[in-house]
Amino acid sequence: MAKVEIYTSPFCGFCWRAKALLKDKGVDFEEFDVMLHPRRRAEMLERANGGHTVPQIFIDDEHVGGCDDLLALDARGRLDPMLDPPAA
């Protein structure tokens, strides 16, 4: 299973939607609350090449974007292979 990281804030509906999709797929993820831990916001900005809105989502250290980007990957059938890549 891929390593999934998501930068969030507690009052963000897009964050809740992205997390719900991942949970529905049975994916474990590490969540970084940028309101509770403000230093994480600077980390997020650097990793996401200036992406300043939440959520910012990473799969195996690859920046996939926000909630809409995650949903688009899923709609195109490209999310599942990223979440469960074939063994090498």
C-alpha atoms as a PDB file:
ATOM      1  CA  MET A   1       0.000   0.000   0.000  1.00  0.00           C
ATOM      2  CA  ALA A   2       1.232   3.486  -0.828  1.00  0.00           C
ATOM      3  CA  LYS A   3       2.219   6.067   1.763  1.00  0.00           C
ATOM      4  CA  VAL A   4      -0.463   8.766   1.769  1.00  0.00           C
ATOM      5  CA  GLU A   5      -0.078  12.126   3.492  1.00  0.00           C
ATOM      6  CA  ILE A   6      -2.677  14.868   3.639  1.00  0.00           C
ATOM      7  CA  TYR A   7      -2.397  18.410   4.978  1.00  0.00           C
ATOM      8  CA  THR A   8      -5.727  19.560   6.373  1.00  0.00           C
ATOM      9  CA  SER A   9      -7.576  21.975   8.624  1.00  0.00           C
ATOM     10  CA  PRO A  10     -10.526  20.997  10.803  1.00  0.00           C
ATOM     11  CA  PHE A  11     -13.148  23.264   9.202  1.00  0.00           C
ATOM     12  CA  CYS A  12     -12.387  22.393   5.583  1.00  0.00           C
ATOM     13  CA  GLY A  13     -15.165  20.550   3.754  1.00  0.00           C
ATOM     14  CA  PHE A  14     -12.794  19.602   0.934  1.00  0.00           C
ATOM     15  CA  CYS A  15     -10.486  18.003   3.510  1.00  0.00           C
ATOM     16  CA  TRP A  16     -13.361  15.961   4.908  1.00  0.00           C
ATOM     17  CA  ARG A  17     -14.349  14.846   1.391  1.00  0.00           C
ATOM     18  CA  ALA A  18     -10.816  13.795   0.456  1.00  0.00           C
ATOM     19  CA  LYS A  19     -10.381  11.892   3.722  1.00  0.00           C
ATOM     20  CA  ALA A  20     -13.766  10.201   3.254  1.00  0.00           C
ATOM     21  CA  LEU A  21     -12.747   8.973  -0.215  1.00  0.00           C
ATOM     22  CA  LEU A  22      -9.496   7.570   1.137  1.00  0.00           C
ATOM     23  CA  LYS A  23     -11.282   5.926   4.071  1.00  0.00           C
ATOM     24  CA  ASP A  24     -13.890   4.421   1.722  1.00  0.00           C
ATOM     25  CA  LYS A  25     -11.021   2.842  -0.201  1.00  0.00           C
ATOM     26  CA  GLY A  26      -9.534   1.469   3.029  1.00  0.00           C
ATOM     27  CA  VAL A  27      -6.434   3.633   2.730  1.00  0.00           C
ATOM     28  CA  ASP A  28      -4.449   4.577   5.803  1.00  0.00           C
ATOM     29  CA  PHE A  29      -3.063   8.088   5.685  1.00  0.00           C
ATOM     30  CA  GLU A  30      -1.044  10.435   7.816  1.00  0.00           C
ATOM     31  CA  GLU A  31      -2.828  13.710   8.468  1.00  0.00           C
ATOM     32  CA  PHE A  32      -1.127  17.006   9.251  1.00  0.00           C
ATOM     33  CA  ASP A  33      -3.449  19.655  10.712  1.00  0.00           C
ATOM     34  CA  VAL A  34      -1.974  23.005   9.652  1.00  0.00           C
ATOM     35  CA  MET A  35      -4.111  24.935  12.139  1.00  0.00           C
ATOM     36  CA  LEU A  36      -3.058  22.852  15.131  1.00  0.00           C
ATOM     37  CA  HIS A  37       0.565  22.716  13.952  1.00  0.00           C
ATOM     38  CA  PRO A  38       1.294  25.982  12.072  1.00  0.00           C
ATOM     39  CA  ARG A  39       4.881  24.944  11.213  1.00  0.00           C
ATOM     40  CA  ARG A  40       3.318  22.271   9.007  1.00  0.00           C
ATOM     41  CA  ARG A  41       1.865  25.008   6.762  1.00  0.00           C
ATOM     42  CA  ALA A  42       5.359  26.121   5.708  1.00  0.00           C
ATOM     43  CA  GLU A  43       6.273  22.481   5.092  1.00  0.00           C
ATOM     44  CA  MET A  44       3.122  22.050   3.003  1.00  0.00           C
ATOM     45  CA  LEU A  45       3.856  25.183   0.952  1.00  0.00           C
ATOM     46  CA  GLU A  46       7.343  23.924   0.147  1.00  0.00           C
ATOM     47  CA  ARG A  47       6.287  20.374  -0.703  1.00  0.00           C
ATOM     48  CA  ALA A  48       3.294  21.521  -2.763  1.00  0.00           C
ATOM     49  CA  ASN A  49       5.324  24.084  -4.753  1.00  0.00           C
ATOM     50  CA  GLY A  50       3.379  26.975  -3.246  1.00  0.00           C
ATOM     51  CA  GLY A  51       0.010  25.236  -2.985  1.00  0.00           C
ATOM     52  CA  HIS A  52      -1.537  27.160  -0.102  1.00  0.00           C
ATOM     53  CA  THR A  53      -5.026  25.735   0.181  1.00  0.00           C
ATOM     54  CA  VAL A  54      -5.973  22.587   2.030  1.00  0.00           C
ATOM     55  CA  PRO A  55      -6.077  19.751   1.486  1.00  0.00           C
ATOM     56  CA  GLN A  56      -2.737  19.102  -0.151  1.00  0.00           C
ATOM     57  CA  ILE A  57      -2.333  15.392  -0.815  1.00  0.00           C
ATOM     58  CA  PHE A  58       0.795  13.317  -1.432  1.00  0.00           C
ATOM     59  CA  ILE A  59       0.983   9.691  -2.494  1.00  0.00           C
ATOM     60  CA  ASP A  60       4.414   8.107  -2.083  1.00  0.00           C
ATOM     61  CA  ASP A  61       5.854  11.642  -1.811  1.00  0.00           C
ATOM     62  CA  GLU A  62       4.297  12.651  -5.151  1.00  0.00           C
ATOM     63  CA  HIS A  63       2.115  15.749  -4.924  1.00  0.00           C
ATOM     64  CA  VAL A  64      -1.278  14.941  -6.409  1.00  0.00           C
ATOM     65  CA  GLY A  65      -2.944  18.239  -5.473  1.00  0.00           C
ATOM     66  CA  GLY A  66      -6.139  18.924  -3.604  1.00  0.00           C
ATOM     67  CA  CYS A  67      -9.531  17.311  -3.214  1.00  0.00           C
ATOM     68  CA  ASP A  68     -10.698  18.016  -6.771  1.00  0.00           C
ATOM     69  CA  ASP A  69      -7.477  16.540  -8.128  1.00  0.00           C
ATOM     70  CA  LEU A  70      -7.917  13.414  -5.991  1.00  0.00           C
ATOM     71  CA  LEU A  71     -11.527  13.018  -7.138  1.00  0.00           C
ATOM     72  CA  ALA A  72     -10.485  13.496 -10.775  1.00  0.00           C
ATOM     73  CA  LEU A  73      -7.812  10.802 -10.459  1.00  0.00           C
ATOM     74  CA  ASP A  74     -10.431   8.464  -9.028  1.00  0.00           C
ATOM     75  CA  ALA A  75     -12.951   9.275 -11.774  1.00  0.00           C
ATOM     76  CA  ARG A  76     -10.326   8.483 -14.446  1.00  0.00           C
ATOM     77  CA  GLY A  77      -9.431   5.189 -12.764  1.00  0.00           C
ATOM     78  CA  ARG A  78      -5.901   6.387 -11.986  1.00  0.00           C
ATOM     79  CA  LEU A  79      -6.157   6.634  -8.190  1.00  0.00           C
ATOM     80  CA  ASP A  80      -6.388   2.939  -7.275  1.00  0.00           C
ATOM     81  CA  PRO A  81      -3.158   1.999  -9.118  1.00  0.00           C
ATOM     82  CA  MET A  82      -1.366   4.821  -7.283  1.00  0.00           C
ATOM     83  CA  LEU A  83      -2.682   3.633  -3.936  1.00  0.00           C
ATOM     84  CA  ASP A  84      -1.842  -0.008  -4.498  1.00  0.00           C
ATOM     85  CA  PRO A  85       1.034  -0.188  -6.961  1.00  0.00           C
ATOM     86  CA  PRO A  86       2.133  -3.591  -8.242  1.00  0.00           C
ATOM     87  CA  ALA A  87       4.975  -5.223  -6.338  1.00  0.00           C
ATOM     88  CA  ALA A  88       8.388  -4.803  -7.928  1.00  0.00           C
END
